[in-house]
Amino acid sequence: MTIALIDDDNAILHSLSMLLEGRGIPVRAYSSAESFLNALATEPPQCVVSDIRMPGMSGIELQQKLKEHAGAIPLIFITGHGDVTMAVQAIKQGAFDFIEKPLDDERLIASISQAIESGNRLRSEYKERAALQARVAELSPRQVEVMRLVAEGLSNKEIAHKLGISTRTVENYRAWVMERMGANSLADLVRKVIALKSRA
């Protein structure tokens, strides 16, 4: 569980590092968003805590870069009072949280813990979606069509009528779809199709 801290104020970097390391949380500290991004490929953290207003690349610009390259890393902004409107906008754009200075230590620790849980969940969902997409790619267009109609609740007879094919053919497609999608029941297949749609 490594946390990236980004702030151009070395005193804040030092105090936050001491706080987190004192709780047994490994920290990597960066004095700019640019230096963090340079290290991102080799040292991806599980959570980023960043000042929102910094010289050079701002926290908002960093947020856009993280979306492009590593969208599953949760981002917590620390902000001065005058930056709250900006921070609220950042939340709407996908930031996990913002915490006003002076920082409440317990609030920060709690937010980091929640952000890491959220990031782990997002990574798990991304892996599941990628695996499902790979399975769908092995199906023919007609098999995909049958799968979606099955997931909509149509019977084999209704699907056969809708597609102008025999019920037996639908049964064969359906069996193939269940096997290829790794679905052990109709309910499981429906869940997988919903997962593909909701995360598209």
Foldseek 3Di string as FASTA:
>chain_A
DEEEEEALDVVVQVVVCCLQVVVVHHYDYYNHLVVCVVCCVPDPGQEYEYEQDDPDDGVLNSQVVCVVPPVLHAYEYEYEPVCVVVVVVVVVVPHQYYAYPVGDSVVVVVSVVVSSVSSVVVVVLVVLLVLQVVLVVPDDPVLVVLLVVLLVPDDLVRVCVVVVHDSVVSVVSVVVSCVSNVPPDSVSSNVSVVSNVVVD
